[in-house]
Amino acid sequence: MFEALKRLFSTSATRSRRVLVVDDSATTRRVMAGALTRLGFEVICAESSRAARRILNDCGPVDLITLDWHMPGGSGLQLIKALKKQPGLRGIPVIMVSKEDSLDRMIEATDAGAVEYLCKPFDLALLQEKLMSAGFHTVLREAA
């Protein structure tokens, strides 16, 4: 499976648009992947921090990660901290996606390295706003 993913993401045309969606909820993964695809991104999904690490190790860096806070086997916050310690991965922007809507949680996520924080449930307009804030203006213009 990972060899197929490597081939899928090996061209320069898709390279600048790869997003890894990490969430233990299949519904959230499906909704996020659908929204990102409509916005012009190539999407790969992982159901856990462990699966995300495996994908990043096997397929190389992506251009953006959307990351759920609460997942079995390792939280999104733990994954952000681990990514920021790895030279080849530390520069990947991360948007934390969570039902947690407290200011303390948002600060904790950004202190750990998240560039944005998106509360669930979200709509397409809010997702676009967070993507633009994370620096993906060009991709969004191309998809329009």
C-alpha atoms as a PDB file:
ATOM      1  CA  MET A   1       0.000   0.000   0.000  1.00  0.00           C
ATOM      2  CA  PHE A   2       2.738   2.491   0.891  1.00  0.00           C
ATOM      3  CA  GLU A   3       4.539   1.867  -2.413  1.00  0.00           C
ATOM      4  CA  ALA A   4       1.365   2.925  -4.224  1.00  0.00           C
ATOM      5  CA  LEU A   5       1.196   6.052  -2.076  1.00  0.00           C
ATOM      6  CA  LYS A   6       4.807   6.890  -2.913  1.00  0.00           C
ATOM      7  CA  ARG A   7       4.024   6.665  -6.640  1.00  0.00           C
ATOM      8  CA  LEU A   8       0.851   8.725  -6.231  1.00  0.00           C
ATOM      9  CA  PHE A   9       2.696  11.580  -4.563  1.00  0.00           C
ATOM     10  CA  SER A  10       5.938  11.479  -6.521  1.00  0.00           C
ATOM     11  CA  THR A  11       5.123  14.084  -9.202  1.00  0.00           C
ATOM     12  CA  SER A  12       5.976  17.721  -8.711  1.00  0.00           C
ATOM     13  CA  ALA A  13       2.439  18.764  -9.706  1.00  0.00           C
ATOM     14  CA  THR A  14       0.928  17.074  -6.682  1.00  0.00           C
ATOM     15  CA  ARG A  15       3.954  17.512  -4.430  1.00  0.00           C
ATOM     16  CA  SER A  16       3.074  21.059  -3.481  1.00  0.00           C
ATOM     17  CA  ARG A  17      -0.425  20.097  -2.404  1.00  0.00           C
ATOM     18  CA  ARG A  18      -0.109  17.007  -0.210  1.00  0.00           C
ATOM     19  CA  VAL A  19      -2.072  16.965   3.027  1.00  0.00           C
ATOM     20  CA  LEU A  20      -1.999  14.257   5.665  1.00  0.00           C
ATOM     21  CA  VAL A  21      -5.300  14.077   7.552  1.00  0.00           C
ATOM     22  CA  VAL A  22      -4.863  12.326  10.906  1.00  0.00           C
ATOM     23  CA  ASP A  23      -8.006  11.504  12.884  1.00  0.00           C
ATOM     24  CA  ASP A  24      -9.308   8.380  14.581  1.00  0.00           C
ATOM     25  CA  SER A  25     -12.859   9.155  13.401  1.00  0.00           C
ATOM     26  CA  ALA A  26     -13.564   7.743   9.933  1.00  0.00           C
ATOM     27  CA  THR A  27     -16.343  10.303   9.522  1.00  0.00           C
ATOM     28  CA  THR A  28     -14.050  13.225  10.302  1.00  0.00           C
ATOM     29  CA  ARG A  29     -11.376  11.844   7.970  1.00  0.00           C
ATOM     30  CA  ARG A  30     -13.940  11.511   5.190  1.00  0.00           C
ATOM     31  CA  VAL A  31     -15.357  15.029   5.725  1.00  0.00           C
ATOM     32  CA  MET A  32     -11.913  16.656   5.955  1.00  0.00           C
ATOM     33  CA  ALA A  33     -10.556  14.721   2.967  1.00  0.00           C
ATOM     34  CA  GLY A  34     -13.605  15.651   0.894  1.00  0.00           C
ATOM     35  CA  ALA A  35     -13.293  19.334   1.770  1.00  0.00           C
ATOM     36  CA  LEU A  36      -9.555  19.421   1.075  1.00  0.00           C
ATOM     37  CA  THR A  37      -9.999  17.578  -2.218  1.00  0.00           C
ATOM     38  CA  ARG A  38     -12.629  20.123  -3.305  1.00  0.00           C
ATOM     39  CA  LEU A  39     -10.114  22.840  -2.480  1.00  0.00           C
ATOM     40  CA  GLY A  40      -7.511  21.292  -4.778  1.00  0.00           C
ATOM     41  CA  PHE A  41      -5.363  19.269  -2.380  1.00  0.00           C
ATOM     42  CA  GLU A  42      -4.140  15.710  -2.705  1.00  0.00           C
ATOM     43  CA  VAL A  43      -5.106  13.941   0.514  1.00  0.00           C
ATOM     44  CA  ILE A  44      -3.822  10.935   2.380  1.00  0.00           C
ATOM     45  CA  CYS A  45      -5.476   9.807   5.604  1.00  0.00           C
ATOM     46  CA  ALA A  46      -4.230   8.123   8.755  1.00  0.00           C
ATOM     47  CA  GLU A  47      -6.337   6.823  11.629  1.00  0.00           C
ATOM     48  CA  SER A  48      -3.704   7.234  14.345  1.00  0.00           C
ATOM     49  CA  SER A  49      -0.441   8.909  15.269  1.00  0.00           C
ATOM     50  CA  ARG A  50       1.330   5.609  14.643  1.00  0.00           C
ATOM     51  CA  ALA A  51      -0.133   5.335  11.128  1.00  0.00           C
ATOM     52  CA  ALA A  52       0.796   8.967  10.440  1.00  0.00           C
ATOM     53  CA  ARG A  53       4.404   8.346  11.452  1.00  0.00           C
ATOM     54  CA  ARG A  54       4.549   5.268   9.242  1.00  0.00           C
ATOM     55  CA  ILE A  55       3.190   7.239   6.268  1.00  0.00           C
ATOM     56  CA  LEU A  56       5.653  10.080   6.819  1.00  0.00           C
ATOM     57  CA  ASN A  57       8.546   7.618   7.104  1.00  0.00           C
ATOM     58  CA  ASP A  58       7.511   5.600   4.049  1.00  0.00           C
ATOM     59  CA  CYS A  59       6.222   8.352   1.758  1.00  0.00           C
ATOM     60  CA  GLY A  60       8.274  11.338   2.836  1.00  0.00           C
ATOM     61  CA  PRO A  61       7.154  14.720   4.062  1.00  0.00           C
ATOM     62  CA  VAL A  62       3.830  16.258   3.179  1.00  0.00           C
ATOM     63  CA  ASP A  63       3.004  19.944   2.847  1.00  0.00           C
ATOM     64  CA  LEU A  64       0.414  20.133   5.593  1.00  0.00           C
ATOM     65  CA  ILE A  65      -0.964  17.962   8.380  1.00  0.00           C
ATOM     66  CA  THR A  66      -4.414  18.273   9.904  1.00  0.00           C
ATOM     67  CA  LEU A  67      -4.292  16.542  13.236  1.00  0.00           C
ATOM     68  CA  ASP A  68      -6.905  15.474  15.754  1.00  0.00           C
ATOM     69  CA  TRP A  69      -6.050  16.108  19.396  1.00  0.00           C
ATOM     70  CA  HIS A  70      -7.534  12.972  20.981  1.00  0.00           C
ATOM     71  CA  MET A  71      -6.611   9.625  19.463  1.00  0.00           C
ATOM     72  CA  PRO A  72      -5.877   6.230  20.928  1.00  0.00           C
ATOM     73  CA  GLY A  73      -2.211   5.266  20.958  1.00  0.00           C
ATOM     74  CA  GLY A  74      -0.871   8.815  21.065  1.00  0.00           C
ATOM     75  CA  SER A  75      -2.401  12.267  21.045  1.00  0.00           C
ATOM     76  CA  GLY A  76      -2.074  14.798  18.286  1.00  0.00           C
ATOM     77  CA  LEU A  77      -0.161  17.008  20.679  1.00  0.00           C
ATOM     78  CA  GLN A  78       2.407  14.242  21.232  1.00  0.00           C
ATOM     79  CA  LEU A  79       2.745  13.812  17.469  1.00  0.00           C
ATOM     80  CA  ILE A  80       3.346  17.537  16.901  1.00  0.00           C
ATOM     81  CA  LYS A  81       6.082  17.504  19.534  1.00  0.00           C
ATOM     82  CA  ALA A  82       7.695  14.443  17.933  1.00  0.00           C
ATOM     83  CA  LEU A  83       7.550  15.983  14.436  1.00  0.00           C
ATOM     84  CA  LYS A  84       9.164  19.205  15.626  1.00  0.00           C
ATOM     85  CA  LYS A  85      12.177  17.187  16.813  1.00  0.00           C
ATOM     86  CA  GLN A  86      12.778  15.625  13.381  1.00  0.00           C
ATOM     87  CA  PRO A  87      14.766  17.818  10.971  1.00  0.00           C
ATOM     88  CA  GLY A  88      13.018  16.577   7.826  1.00  0.00           C
ATOM     89  CA  LEU A  89       9.542  17.008   9.306  1.00  0.00           C
ATOM     90  CA  ARG A  90       9.743  19.968  11.681  1.00  0.00           C
ATOM     91  CA  GLY A  91       8.868  22.503   8.997  1.00  0.00           C
ATOM     92  CA  ILE A  92       5.551  20.893   8.060  1.00  0.00           C
ATOM     93  CA  PRO A  93       2.682  23.177   9.088  1.00  0.00           C
ATOM     94  CA  VAL A  94       0.153  21.485  11.355  1.00  0.00           C
ATOM     95  CA  ILE A  95      -3.461  22.512  11.853  1.00  0.00           C
ATOM     96  CA  MET A  96      -4.794  21.009  15.066  1.00  0.00           C
ATOM     97  CA  VAL A  97      -8.417  19.918  14.682  1.00  0.00           C
ATOM     98  CA  SER A  98     -10.375  19.228  17.855  1.00  0.00           C
ATOM     99  CA  LYS A  99     -13.643  19.480  19.743  1.00  0.00           C
ATOM    100  CA  GLU A 100     -11.580  21.113  22.488  1.00  0.00           C
ATOM    101  CA  ASP A 101     -12.480  24.786  22.235  1.00  0.00           C
ATOM    102  CA  SER A 102     -10.784  26.251  25.295  1.00  0.00           C
ATOM    103  CA  LEU A 103      -8.227  28.998  24.873  1.00  0.00           C
ATOM    104  CA  ASP A 104      -5.785  27.009  27.027  1.00  0.00           C
ATOM    105  CA  ARG A 105      -5.905  24.085  24.582  1.00  0.00           C
ATOM    106  CA  MET A 106      -5.431  26.395  21.599  1.00  0.00           C
ATOM    107  CA  ILE A 107      -2.407  27.978  23.255  1.00  0.00           C
ATOM    108  CA  GLU A 108      -1.007  24.570  24.182  1.00  0.00           C
ATOM    109  CA  ALA A 109      -1.321  23.403  20.556  1.00  0.00           C
ATOM    110  CA  THR A 110       0.311  26.504  19.101  1.00  0.00           C
ATOM    111  CA  ASP A 111       3.062  26.404  21.718  1.00  0.00           C
ATOM    112  CA  ALA A 112       3.766  22.823  20.628  1.00  0.00           C
ATOM    113  CA  GLY A 113       4.050  23.922  17.004  1.00  0.00           C
ATOM    114  CA  ALA A 114       0.586  24.009  15.436  1.00  0.00           C
ATOM    115  CA  VAL A 115       0.196  26.928  13.043  1.00  0.00           C
ATOM    116  CA  GLU A 116      -3.588  26.975  13.370  1.00  0.00           C
ATOM    117  CA  TYR A 117      -6.376  25.491  15.462  1.00  0.00           C
ATOM    118  CA  LEU A 118      -9.701  24.403  13.966  1.00  0.00           C
ATOM    119  CA  CYS A 119     -12.623  23.502  16.213  1.00  0.00           C
ATOM    120  CA  LYS A 120     -15.009  20.683  15.284  1.00  0.00           C
ATOM    121  CA  PRO A 121     -17.500  20.858  13.796  1.00  0.00           C
ATOM    122  CA  PHE A 122     -16.172  23.129  11.062  1.00  0.00           C
ATOM    123  CA  ASP A 123     -17.444  24.339   7.729  1.00  0.00           C
ATOM    124  CA  LEU A 124     -15.663  24.821   4.425  1.00  0.00           C
ATOM    125  CA  ALA A 125     -15.336  28.599   4.838  1.00  0.00           C
ATOM    126  CA  LEU A 126     -13.621  28.245   8.210  1.00  0.00           C
ATOM    127  CA  LEU A 127     -11.316  25.543   6.851  1.00  0.00           C
ATOM    128  CA  GLN A 128     -10.376  27.832   3.945  1.00  0.00           C
ATOM    129  CA  GLU A 129      -9.637  30.644   6.395  1.00  0.00           C
ATOM    130  CA  LYS A 130      -7.333  28.401   8.434  1.00  0.00           C
ATOM    131  CA  LEU A 131      -5.589  27.164   5.274  1.00  0.00           C
ATOM    132  CA  MET A 132      -4.991  30.708   4.089  1.00  0.00           C
ATOM    133  CA  SER A 133      -3.637  31.619   7.508  1.00  0.00           C
ATOM    134  CA  ALA A 134      -1.296  28.627   7.233  1.00  0.00           C
ATOM    135  CA  GLY A 135       0.052  29.975   3.932  1.00  0.00           C
ATOM    136  CA  PHE A 136      -1.895  28.036   1.303  1.00  0.00           C
ATOM    137  CA  HIS A 137      -3.214  31.038  -0.670  1.00  0.00           C
ATOM    138  CA  THR A 138      -1.906  29.849  -4.043  1.00  0.00           C
ATOM    139  CA  VAL A 139      -3.423  26.380  -3.816  1.00  0.00           C
ATOM    140  CA  LEU A 140      -6.809  27.809  -2.872  1.00  0.00           C
ATOM    141  CA  ARG A 141      -6.728  30.315  -5.767  1.00  0.00           C
ATOM    142  CA  GLU A 142      -5.860  27.540  -8.214  1.00  0.00           C
ATOM    143  CA  ALA A 143      -8.789  25.432  -6.995  1.00  0.00           C
ATOM    144  CA  ALA A 144     -11.304  28.294  -7.401  1.00  0.00           C
END
